Amino acid sequence: MNNVRGELRLVERYEKPTDKRRRLKSERHRRRFADMIGQKVRIVRDIKARGG
């Protein structure tokens, strides 16, 4: 996904290293969480499709 607007907003101001580390950790966690939830939803859909 092309995140030009978000990147531009981030480079407009200086970001402290600790803030950057926290932001990157949060973004990584959000991505992983979304993937896990999607995986769980797929599993539930498969079970429902099988008639379980």
PDB file of N, CA and C in Angstrom:
ATOM      1  N   MET A   1       0.839  -1.178   0.000  1.00  0.00           N
ATOM      2  CA  MET A   1       0.000   0.000   0.000  1.00  0.00           C
ATOM      3  C   MET A   1       0.886   1.244   0.000  1.00  0.00           C
ATOM      4  N   ASN A   2       0.505   2.223  -0.766  1.00  0.00           N
ATOM      5  CA  ASN A   2       1.292   3.427  -0.918  1.00  0.00           C
ATOM      6  C   ASN A   2       0.901   4.434   0.161  1.00  0.00           C
ATOM      7  N   ASN A   3       1.833   4.709   1.056  1.00  0.00           N
ATOM      8  CA  ASN A   3       1.525   5.562   2.206  1.00  0.00           C
ATOM      9  C   ASN A   3       2.263   6.894   2.113  1.00  0.00           C
ATOM     10  N   VAL A   4       2.149   7.568   0.971  1.00  0.00           N
ATOM     11  CA  VAL A   4       2.891   8.804   0.744  1.00  0.00           C
ATOM     12  C   VAL A   4       2.449   9.890   1.714  1.00  0.00           C
ATOM     13  N   ARG A   5       1.164  10.034   1.909  1.00  0.00           N
ATOM     14  CA  ARG A   5       0.653  11.091   2.790  1.00  0.00           C
ATOM     15  C   ARG A   5       1.143  10.896   4.225  1.00  0.00           C
ATOM     16  N   GLY A   6       1.101   9.676   4.704  1.00  0.00           N
ATOM     17  CA  GLY A   6       1.580   9.402   6.059  1.00  0.00           C
ATOM     18  C   GLY A   6       3.069   9.638   6.201  1.00  0.00           C
ATOM     19  N   GLU A   7       3.841   9.230   5.192  1.00  0.00           N
ATOM     20  CA  GLU A   7       5.290   9.458   5.219  1.00  0.00           C
ATOM     21  C   GLU A   7       5.597  10.946   5.216  1.00  0.00           C
ATOM     22  N   LEU A   8       4.883  11.698   4.415  1.00  0.00           N
ATOM     23  CA  LEU A   8       5.106  13.139   4.330  1.00  0.00           C
ATOM     24  C   LEU A   8       4.820  13.807   5.671  1.00  0.00           C
ATOM     25  N   ARG A   9       3.757  13.393   6.317  1.00  0.00           N
ATOM     26  CA  ARG A   9       3.406  13.960   7.615  1.00  0.00           C
ATOM     27  C   ARG A   9       4.507  13.680   8.640  1.00  0.00           C
ATOM     28  N   LEU A  10       5.123  12.506   8.550  1.00  0.00           N
ATOM     29  CA  LEU A  10       6.154  12.140   9.518  1.00  0.00           C
ATOM     30  C   LEU A  10       7.450  12.921   9.318  1.00  0.00           C
ATOM     31  N   VAL A  11       7.800  13.240   8.077  1.00  0.00           N
ATOM     32  CA  VAL A  11       9.072  13.930   7.835  1.00  0.00           C
ATOM     33  C   VAL A  11       8.949  15.440   7.982  1.00  0.00           C
ATOM     34  N   GLU A  12       7.742  15.959   8.155  1.00  0.00           N
ATOM     35  CA  GLU A  12       7.574  17.405   8.324  1.00  0.00           C
ATOM     36  C   GLU A  12       8.220  17.891   9.613  1.00  0.00           C
ATOM     37  N   ARG A  13       8.175  17.085  10.656  1.00  0.00           N
ATOM     38  CA  ARG A  13       8.725  17.478  11.956  1.00  0.00           C
ATOM     39  C   ARG A  13       9.739  16.436  12.414  1.00  0.00           C
ATOM     40  N   TYR A  14      10.645  16.876  13.266  1.00  0.00           N
ATOM     41  CA  TYR A  14      11.629  15.956  13.835  1.00  0.00           C
ATOM     42  C   TYR A  14      10.929  15.017  14.810  1.00  0.00           C
ATOM     43  N   GLU A  15      11.294  13.759  14.740  1.00  0.00           N
ATOM     44  CA  GLU A  15      10.724  12.755  15.632  1.00  0.00           C
ATOM     45  C   GLU A  15      11.836  12.212  16.523  1.00  0.00           C
ATOM     46  N   LYS A  16      11.643  12.316  17.814  1.00  0.00           N
ATOM     47  CA  LYS A  16      12.649  11.822  18.747  1.00  0.00           C
ATOM     48  C   LYS A  16      12.830  10.320  18.548  1.00  0.00           C
ATOM     49  N   PRO A  17      14.052   9.836  18.753  1.00  0.00           N
ATOM     50  CA  PRO A  17      14.294   8.394  18.569  1.00  0.00           C
ATOM     51  C   PRO A  17      13.369   7.517  19.411  1.00  0.00           C
ATOM     52  N   THR A  18      13.091   7.947  20.642  1.00  0.00           N
ATOM     53  CA  THR A  18      12.202   7.128  21.478  1.00  0.00           C
ATOM     54  C   THR A  18      10.783   7.119  20.923  1.00  0.00           C
ATOM     55  N   ASP A  19      10.331   8.267  20.415  1.00  0.00           N
ATOM     56  CA  ASP A  19       8.993   8.330  19.824  1.00  0.00           C
ATOM     57  C   ASP A  19       8.924   7.491  18.560  1.00  0.00           C
ATOM     58  N   LYS A  20       9.997   7.533  17.766  1.00  0.00           N
ATOM     59  CA  LYS A  20      10.034   6.741  16.539  1.00  0.00           C
ATOM     60  C   LYS A  20       9.987   5.250  16.874  1.00  0.00           C
ATOM     61  N   ARG A  21      10.774   4.855  17.887  1.00  0.00           N
ATOM     62  CA  ARG A  21      10.802   3.452  18.289  1.00  0.00           C
ATOM     63  C   ARG A  21       9.419   3.001  18.750  1.00  0.00           C
ATOM     64  N   ARG A  22       8.759   3.834  19.540  1.00  0.00           N
ATOM     65  CA  ARG A  22       7.418   3.506  20.028  1.00  0.00           C
ATOM     66  C   ARG A  22       6.427   3.412  18.871  1.00  0.00           C
ATOM     67  N   ARG A  23       6.503   4.363  17.932  1.00  0.00           N
ATOM     68  CA  ARG A  23       5.584   4.371  16.790  1.00  0.00           C
ATOM     69  C   ARG A  23       5.784   3.131  15.925  1.00  0.00           C
ATOM     70  N   LEU A  24       7.046   2.805  15.629  1.00  0.00           N
ATOM     71  CA  LEU A  24       7.317   1.640  14.791  1.00  0.00           C
ATOM     72  C   LEU A  24       6.841   0.353  15.466  1.00  0.00           C
ATOM     73  N   LYS A  25       7.060   0.259  16.776  1.00  0.00           N
ATOM     74  CA  LYS A  25       6.596  -0.912  17.518  1.00  0.00           C
ATOM     75  C   LYS A  25       5.082  -1.022  17.446  1.00  0.00           C
ATOM     76  N   SER A  26       4.410   0.123  17.613  1.00  0.00           N
ATOM     77  CA  SER A  26       2.951   0.136  17.565  1.00  0.00           C
ATOM     78  C   SER A  26       2.441  -0.258  16.181  1.00  0.00           C
ATOM     79  N   GLU A  27       3.065   0.301  15.122  1.00  0.00           N
ATOM     80  CA  GLU A  27       2.635  -0.030  13.759  1.00  0.00           C
ATOM     81  C   GLU A  27       2.844  -1.507  13.471  1.00  0.00           C
ATOM     82  N   ARG A  28       3.979  -2.038  13.919  1.00  0.00           N
ATOM     83  CA  ARG A  28       4.271  -3.449  13.695  1.00  0.00           C
ATOM     84  C   ARG A  28       3.244  -4.317  14.423  1.00  0.00           C
ATOM     85  N   HIS A  29       2.930  -3.949  15.672  1.00  0.00           N
ATOM     86  CA  HIS A  29       1.952  -4.710  16.442  1.00  0.00           C
ATOM     87  C   HIS A  29       0.579  -4.650  15.786  1.00  0.00           C
ATOM     88  N   ARG A  30       0.182  -3.467  15.317  1.00  0.00           N
ATOM     89  CA  ARG A  30      -1.133  -3.329  14.685  1.00  0.00           C
ATOM     90  C   ARG A  30      -1.240  -4.195  13.440  1.00  0.00           C
ATOM     91  N   ARG A  31      -0.142  -4.239  12.656  1.00  0.00           N
ATOM     92  CA  ARG A  31      -0.138  -5.072  11.456  1.00  0.00           C
ATOM     93  C   ARG A  31      -0.255  -6.544  11.821  1.00  0.00           C
ATOM     94  N   ARG A  32       0.537  -6.966  12.809  1.00  0.00           N
ATOM     95  CA  ARG A  32       0.484  -8.370  13.241  1.00  0.00           C
ATOM     96  C   ARG A  32      -0.888  -8.726  13.801  1.00  0.00           C
ATOM     97  N   PHE A  33      -1.453  -7.833  14.596  1.00  0.00           N
ATOM     98  CA  PHE A  33      -2.762  -8.069  15.195  1.00  0.00           C
ATOM     99  C   PHE A  33      -3.820  -8.226  14.109  1.00  0.00           C
ATOM    100  N   ALA A  34      -3.789  -7.327  13.113  1.00  0.00           N
ATOM    101  CA  ALA A  34      -4.761  -7.400  12.015  1.00  0.00           C
ATOM    102  C   ALA A  34      -4.618  -8.717  11.259  1.00  0.00           C
ATOM    103  N   ASP A  35      -3.386  -9.165  11.035  1.00  0.00           N
ATOM    104  CA  ASP A  35      -3.167 -10.439  10.349  1.00  0.00           C
ATOM    105  C   ASP A  35      -3.713 -11.603  11.168  1.00  0.00           C
ATOM    106  N   MET A  36      -3.472 -11.575  12.478  1.00  0.00           N
ATOM    107  CA  MET A  36      -3.967 -12.651  13.340  1.00  0.00           C
ATOM    108  C   MET A  36      -5.487 -12.697  13.349  1.00  0.00           C
ATOM    109  N   ILE A  37      -6.120 -11.543  13.449  1.00  0.00           N
ATOM    110  CA  ILE A  37      -7.580 -11.499  13.459  1.00  0.00           C
ATOM    111  C   ILE A  37      -8.130 -12.010  12.130  1.00  0.00           C
ATOM    112  N   GLY A  38      -7.515 -11.589  11.033  1.00  0.00           N
ATOM    113  CA  GLY A  38      -7.941 -12.074   9.718  1.00  0.00           C
ATOM    114  C   GLY A  38      -7.827 -13.582   9.608  1.00  0.00           C
ATOM    115  N   GLN A  39      -6.749 -14.120  10.169  1.00  0.00           N
ATOM    116  CA  GLN A  39      -6.550 -15.568  10.142  1.00  0.00           C
ATOM    117  C   GLN A  39      -7.640 -16.276  10.949  1.00  0.00           C
ATOM    118  N   LYS A  40      -7.959 -15.738  12.120  1.00  0.00           N
ATOM    119  CA  LYS A  40      -9.015 -16.337  12.954  1.00  0.00           C
ATOM    120  C   LYS A  40     -10.367 -16.284  12.246  1.00  0.00           C
ATOM    121  N   VAL A  41     -10.644 -15.163  11.588  1.00  0.00           N
ATOM    122  CA  VAL A  41     -11.911 -15.022  10.867  1.00  0.00           C
ATOM    123  C   VAL A  41     -11.992 -16.053   9.745  1.00  0.00           C
ATOM    124  N   ARG A  42     -10.878 -16.246   9.023  1.00  0.00           N
ATOM    125  CA  ARG A  42     -10.862 -17.257   7.955  1.00  0.00           C
ATOM    126  C   ARG A  42     -11.140 -18.647   8.510  1.00  0.00           C
ATOM    127  N   ILE A  43     -10.541 -18.966   9.646  1.00  0.00           N
ATOM    128  CA  ILE A  43     -10.754 -20.278  10.258  1.00  0.00           C
ATOM    129  C   ILE A  43     -12.227 -20.463  10.612  1.00  0.00           C
ATOM    130  N   VAL A  44     -12.825 -19.448  11.217  1.00  0.00           N
ATOM    131  CA  VAL A  44     -14.236 -19.535  11.606  1.00  0.00           C
ATOM    132  C   VAL A  44     -15.119 -19.684  10.376  1.00  0.00           C
ATOM    133  N   ARG A  45     -14.812 -18.928   9.316  1.00  0.00           N
ATOM    134  CA  ARG A  45     -15.603 -19.040   8.080  1.00  0.00           C
ATOM    135  C   ARG A  45     -15.502 -20.437   7.485  1.00  0.00           C
ATOM    136  N   ASP A  46     -14.292 -21.012   7.506  1.00  0.00           N
ATOM    137  CA  ASP A  46     -14.121 -22.372   6.984  1.00  0.00           C
ATOM    138  C   ASP A  46     -14.945 -23.365   7.795  1.00  0.00           C
ATOM    139  N   ILE A  47     -14.917 -23.229   9.111  1.00  0.00           N
ATOM    140  CA  ILE A  47     -15.679 -24.139   9.971  1.00  0.00           C
ATOM    141  C   ILE A  47     -17.173 -23.994   9.698  1.00  0.00           C
ATOM    142  N   LYS A  48     -17.642 -22.758   9.570  1.00  0.00           N
ATOM    143  CA  LYS A  48     -19.065 -22.535   9.290  1.00  0.00           C
ATOM    144  C   LYS A  48     -19.446 -23.082   7.922  1.00  0.00           C
ATOM    145  N   ALA A  49     -18.555 -22.936   6.940  1.00  0.00           N
ATOM    146  CA  ALA A  49     -18.847 -23.428   5.590  1.00  0.00           C
ATOM    147  C   ALA A  49     -18.950 -24.951   5.583  1.00  0.00           C
ATOM    148  N   ARG A  50     -18.176 -25.605   6.462  1.00  0.00           N
ATOM    149  CA  ARG A  50     -18.238 -27.060   6.557  1.00  0.00           C
ATOM    150  C   ARG A  50     -19.476 -27.529   7.307  1.00  0.00           C
ATOM    151  N   GLY A  51     -20.148 -26.614   7.956  1.00  0.00           N
ATOM    152  CA  GLY A  51     -21.360 -26.983   8.675  1.00  0.00           C
ATOM    153  C   GLY A  51     -21.082 -27.392  10.104  1.00  0.00           C
ATOM    154  N   GLY A  52     -19.977 -26.900  10.637  1.00  0.00           N
ATOM    155  CA  GLY A  52     -19.602 -27.264  12.009  1.00  0.00           C
ATOM    156  C   GLY A  52     -20.268 -26.387  12.939  1.00  0.00           C
TER     157      GLY A  52
END
